Amino acid sequence: MSVDRAIEKAAEEIVETRIRLAVAEALAKDPRALIERMVDAALAQRDDRWSNQTILQTTIKQMVVEEVKAAFAEWVDEHRQAIRQAVAKRLRATKEGVIDRMADRIMEGLESDFQVSFRIVLE
């Protein structure tokens, strides 16, 4: 190693040591103030440069959405049987309604002397 490089390396180490000491002194004097500034800076950060929301706002929104999903899932679990009964009732009404409408059309066709034909495919 050349003398110039050794002097340069020693100077870098001295500067780094002084920086570490200055940081340690600042932390020792008032760590709460530094912590508060770090927290404020972290909470004010944006998700990305195009977002108007901070990381904190986005995180809170996600947490609320997850809680709403969990609460709704619990509600559905509690009312699952009633939901199934309501769906089955609606499906029966629709099925009967289709059959009733088909019967009405057949009767209308017979009354007006038009030929009526239909095909039912069961799958």
C-alpha atoms as a PDB file:
ATOM      1  CA  MET A   1       0.000   0.000   0.000  1.00  0.00           C
ATOM      2  CA  SER A   2       1.355   3.403  -0.906  1.00  0.00           C
ATOM      3  CA  VAL A   3       1.892   6.132   1.680  1.00  0.00           C
ATOM      4  CA  ASP A   4      -0.731   8.352   0.051  1.00  0.00           C
ATOM      5  CA  ARG A   5      -3.303   5.574   0.173  1.00  0.00           C
ATOM      6  CA  ALA A   6      -2.478   4.822   3.820  1.00  0.00           C
ATOM      7  CA  ILE A   7      -2.914   8.508   4.749  1.00  0.00           C
ATOM      8  CA  GLU A   8      -6.199   8.659   2.810  1.00  0.00           C
ATOM      9  CA  LYS A   9      -7.490   5.525   4.562  1.00  0.00           C
ATOM     10  CA  ALA A  10      -6.503   6.862   7.997  1.00  0.00           C
ATOM     11  CA  ALA A  11      -8.265  10.168   7.244  1.00  0.00           C
ATOM     12  CA  GLU A  12     -11.448   8.292   6.206  1.00  0.00           C
ATOM     13  CA  GLU A  13     -11.374   6.315   9.450  1.00  0.00           C
ATOM     14  CA  ILE A  14     -10.936   9.501  11.497  1.00  0.00           C
ATOM     15  CA  VAL A  15     -13.868  11.184   9.719  1.00  0.00           C
ATOM     16  CA  GLU A  16     -16.098   8.109  10.154  1.00  0.00           C
ATOM     17  CA  THR A  17     -15.176   7.910  13.845  1.00  0.00           C
ATOM     18  CA  ARG A  18     -15.981  11.596  14.373  1.00  0.00           C
ATOM     19  CA  ILE A  19     -19.332  11.160  12.627  1.00  0.00           C
ATOM     20  CA  ARG A  20     -20.173   8.163  14.837  1.00  0.00           C
ATOM     21  CA  LEU A  21     -19.204  10.151  17.937  1.00  0.00           C
ATOM     22  CA  ALA A  22     -21.344  13.113  16.874  1.00  0.00           C
ATOM     23  CA  VAL A  23     -24.335  10.835  16.271  1.00  0.00           C
ATOM     24  CA  ALA A  24     -23.793   9.091  19.626  1.00  0.00           C
ATOM     25  CA  GLU A  25     -23.594  12.472  21.420  1.00  0.00           C
ATOM     26  CA  ALA A  26     -26.800  13.670  19.737  1.00  0.00           C
ATOM     27  CA  LEU A  27     -28.582  10.461  20.710  1.00  0.00           C
ATOM     28  CA  ALA A  28     -27.313  10.648  24.273  1.00  0.00           C
ATOM     29  CA  LYS A  29     -28.429  14.272  24.715  1.00  0.00           C
ATOM     30  CA  ASP A  30     -32.065  13.885  23.630  1.00  0.00           C
ATOM     31  CA  PRO A  31     -32.980  10.479  22.205  1.00  0.00           C
ATOM     32  CA  ARG A  32     -36.726  11.162  22.445  1.00  0.00           C
ATOM     33  CA  ALA A  33     -36.532  14.164  20.139  1.00  0.00           C
ATOM     34  CA  LEU A  34     -34.614  12.156  17.556  1.00  0.00           C
ATOM     35  CA  ILE A  35     -37.021   9.240  17.892  1.00  0.00           C
ATOM     36  CA  GLU A  36     -40.016  11.578  17.476  1.00  0.00           C
ATOM     37  CA  ARG A  37     -38.492  13.095  14.342  1.00  0.00           C
ATOM     38  CA  MET A  38     -37.795   9.635  12.925  1.00  0.00           C
ATOM     39  CA  VAL A  39     -41.366   8.526  13.681  1.00  0.00           C
ATOM     40  CA  ASP A  40     -42.825  11.707  12.152  1.00  0.00           C
ATOM     41  CA  ALA A  41     -40.731  11.220   9.026  1.00  0.00           C
ATOM     42  CA  ALA A  42     -41.723   7.563   8.742  1.00  0.00           C
ATOM     43  CA  LEU A  43     -45.431   8.313   9.191  1.00  0.00           C
ATOM     44  CA  ALA A  44     -45.310  11.131   6.648  1.00  0.00           C
ATOM     45  CA  GLN A  45     -43.753   8.948   3.937  1.00  0.00           C
ATOM     46  CA  ARG A  46     -45.902   8.406   0.878  1.00  0.00           C
ATOM     47  CA  ASP A  47     -46.648   4.979  -0.574  1.00  0.00           C
ATOM     48  CA  ASP A  48     -45.037   6.122  -3.775  1.00  0.00           C
ATOM     49  CA  ARG A  49     -44.432   9.398  -5.526  1.00  0.00           C
ATOM     50  CA  TRP A  50     -47.844   9.361  -7.228  1.00  0.00           C
ATOM     51  CA  SER A  51     -49.839   8.628  -4.075  1.00  0.00           C
ATOM     52  CA  ASN A  52     -51.551  11.230  -1.929  1.00  0.00           C
ATOM     53  CA  GLN A  53     -51.790   8.776   0.954  1.00  0.00           C
ATOM     54  CA  THR A  54     -49.125   8.220   3.539  1.00  0.00           C
ATOM     55  CA  ILE A  55     -47.965   4.752   4.485  1.00  0.00           C
ATOM     56  CA  LEU A  56     -49.849   5.177   7.772  1.00  0.00           C
ATOM     57  CA  GLN A  57     -53.113   6.053   5.981  1.00  0.00           C
ATOM     58  CA  THR A  58     -52.757   3.105   3.623  1.00  0.00           C
ATOM     59  CA  THR A  59     -51.963   0.733   6.494  1.00  0.00           C
ATOM     60  CA  ILE A  60     -54.936   1.916   8.551  1.00  0.00           C
ATOM     61  CA  LYS A  61     -57.239   1.579   5.542  1.00  0.00           C
ATOM     62  CA  GLN A  62     -56.023  -1.985   4.920  1.00  0.00           C
ATOM     63  CA  MET A  63     -56.492  -2.882   8.586  1.00  0.00           C
ATOM     64  CA  VAL A  64     -60.044  -1.504   8.621  1.00  0.00           C
ATOM     65  CA  VAL A  65     -60.918  -3.370   5.421  1.00  0.00           C
ATOM     66  CA  GLU A  66     -59.580  -6.618   6.922  1.00  0.00           C
ATOM     67  CA  GLU A  67     -61.655  -6.082  10.076  1.00  0.00           C
ATOM     68  CA  VAL A  68     -64.775  -5.409   8.011  1.00  0.00           C
ATOM     69  CA  LYS A  69     -64.166  -8.597   6.031  1.00  0.00           C
ATOM     70  CA  ALA A  70     -63.688 -10.593   9.226  1.00  0.00           C
ATOM     71  CA  ALA A  71     -66.836  -9.142  10.818  1.00  0.00           C
ATOM     72  CA  PHE A  72     -68.875  -9.839   7.686  1.00  0.00           C
ATOM     73  CA  ALA A  73     -67.526 -13.406   7.513  1.00  0.00           C
ATOM     74  CA  GLU A  74     -68.610 -13.954  11.125  1.00  0.00           C
ATOM     75  CA  TRP A  75     -72.066 -12.538  10.354  1.00  0.00           C
ATOM     76  CA  VAL A  76     -72.421 -14.798   7.312  1.00  0.00           C
ATOM     77  CA  ASP A  77     -71.386 -17.809   9.407  1.00  0.00           C
ATOM     78  CA  GLU A  78     -74.022 -16.935  12.004  1.00  0.00           C
ATOM     79  CA  HIS A  79     -76.744 -16.515   9.375  1.00  0.00           C
ATOM     80  CA  ARG A  80     -75.634 -19.151   6.879  1.00  0.00           C
ATOM     81  CA  GLN A  81     -78.774 -21.306   7.239  1.00  0.00           C
ATOM     82  CA  ALA A  82     -81.140 -18.340   6.777  1.00  0.00           C
ATOM     83  CA  ILE A  83     -79.150 -17.187   3.740  1.00  0.00           C
ATOM     84  CA  ARG A  84     -79.366 -20.658   2.174  1.00  0.00           C
ATOM     85  CA  GLN A  85     -83.111 -20.806   2.836  1.00  0.00           C
ATOM     86  CA  ALA A  86     -83.622 -17.392   1.225  1.00  0.00           C
ATOM     87  CA  VAL A  87     -81.576 -18.406  -1.831  1.00  0.00           C
ATOM     88  CA  ALA A  88     -83.479 -21.683  -2.170  1.00  0.00           C
ATOM     89  CA  LYS A  89     -86.813 -19.840  -1.857  1.00  0.00           C
ATOM     90  CA  ARG A  90     -85.778 -17.361  -4.544  1.00  0.00           C
ATOM     91  CA  LEU A  91     -84.622 -20.147  -6.861  1.00  0.00           C
ATOM     92  CA  ARG A  92     -87.899 -22.017  -6.381  1.00  0.00           C
ATOM     93  CA  ALA A  93     -89.864 -18.858  -7.126  1.00  0.00           C
ATOM     94  CA  THR A  94     -87.822 -18.274 -10.269  1.00  0.00           C
ATOM     95  CA  LYS A  95     -88.260 -21.864 -11.424  1.00  0.00           C
ATOM     96  CA  GLU A  96     -92.011 -21.772 -10.771  1.00  0.00           C
ATOM     97  CA  GLY A  97     -92.211 -18.352 -12.412  1.00  0.00           C
ATOM     98  CA  VAL A  98     -90.542 -19.682 -15.569  1.00  0.00           C
ATOM     99  CA  ILE A  99     -92.938 -22.619 -15.702  1.00  0.00           C
ATOM    100  CA  ASP A 100     -95.928 -20.318 -15.115  1.00  0.00           C
ATOM    101  CA  ARG A 101     -94.790 -17.946 -17.903  1.00  0.00           C
ATOM    102  CA  MET A 102     -94.240 -20.884 -20.251  1.00  0.00           C
ATOM    103  CA  ALA A 103     -97.739 -22.217 -19.476  1.00  0.00           C
ATOM    104  CA  ASP A 104     -99.225 -18.757 -20.089  1.00  0.00           C
ATOM    105  CA  ARG A 105     -97.494 -18.560 -23.478  1.00  0.00           C
ATOM    106  CA  ILE A 106     -98.786 -22.007 -24.430  1.00  0.00           C
ATOM    107  CA  MET A 107    -102.317 -20.996 -23.493  1.00  0.00           C
ATOM    108  CA  GLU A 108    -102.020 -17.727 -25.419  1.00  0.00           C
ATOM    109  CA  GLY A 109    -100.798 -19.655 -28.442  1.00  0.00           C
ATOM    110  CA  LEU A 110    -103.671 -22.111 -28.253  1.00  0.00           C
ATOM    111  CA  GLU A 111    -106.203 -19.326 -27.875  1.00  0.00           C
ATOM    112  CA  SER A 112    -104.939 -17.442 -30.909  1.00  0.00           C
ATOM    113  CA  ASP A 113    -104.793 -20.512 -33.176  1.00  0.00           C
ATOM    114  CA  PHE A 114    -101.083 -20.255 -33.701  1.00  0.00           C
ATOM    115  CA  GLN A 115     -98.991 -23.327 -33.734  1.00  0.00           C
ATOM    116  CA  VAL A 116     -97.005 -23.672 -30.560  1.00  0.00           C
ATOM    117  CA  SER A 117     -93.897 -25.733 -30.272  1.00  0.00           C
ATOM    118  CA  PHE A 118     -91.313 -25.894 -27.581  1.00  0.00           C
ATOM    119  CA  ARG A 119     -88.397 -28.027 -26.575  1.00  0.00           C
ATOM    120  CA  ILE A 120     -87.230 -28.771 -23.068  1.00  0.00           C
ATOM    121  CA  VAL A 121     -83.724 -30.042 -22.561  1.00  0.00           C
ATOM    122  CA  LEU A 122     -82.821 -31.424 -19.176  1.00  0.00           C
ATOM    123  CA  GLU A 123     -79.145 -31.446 -18.388  1.00  0.00           C
END
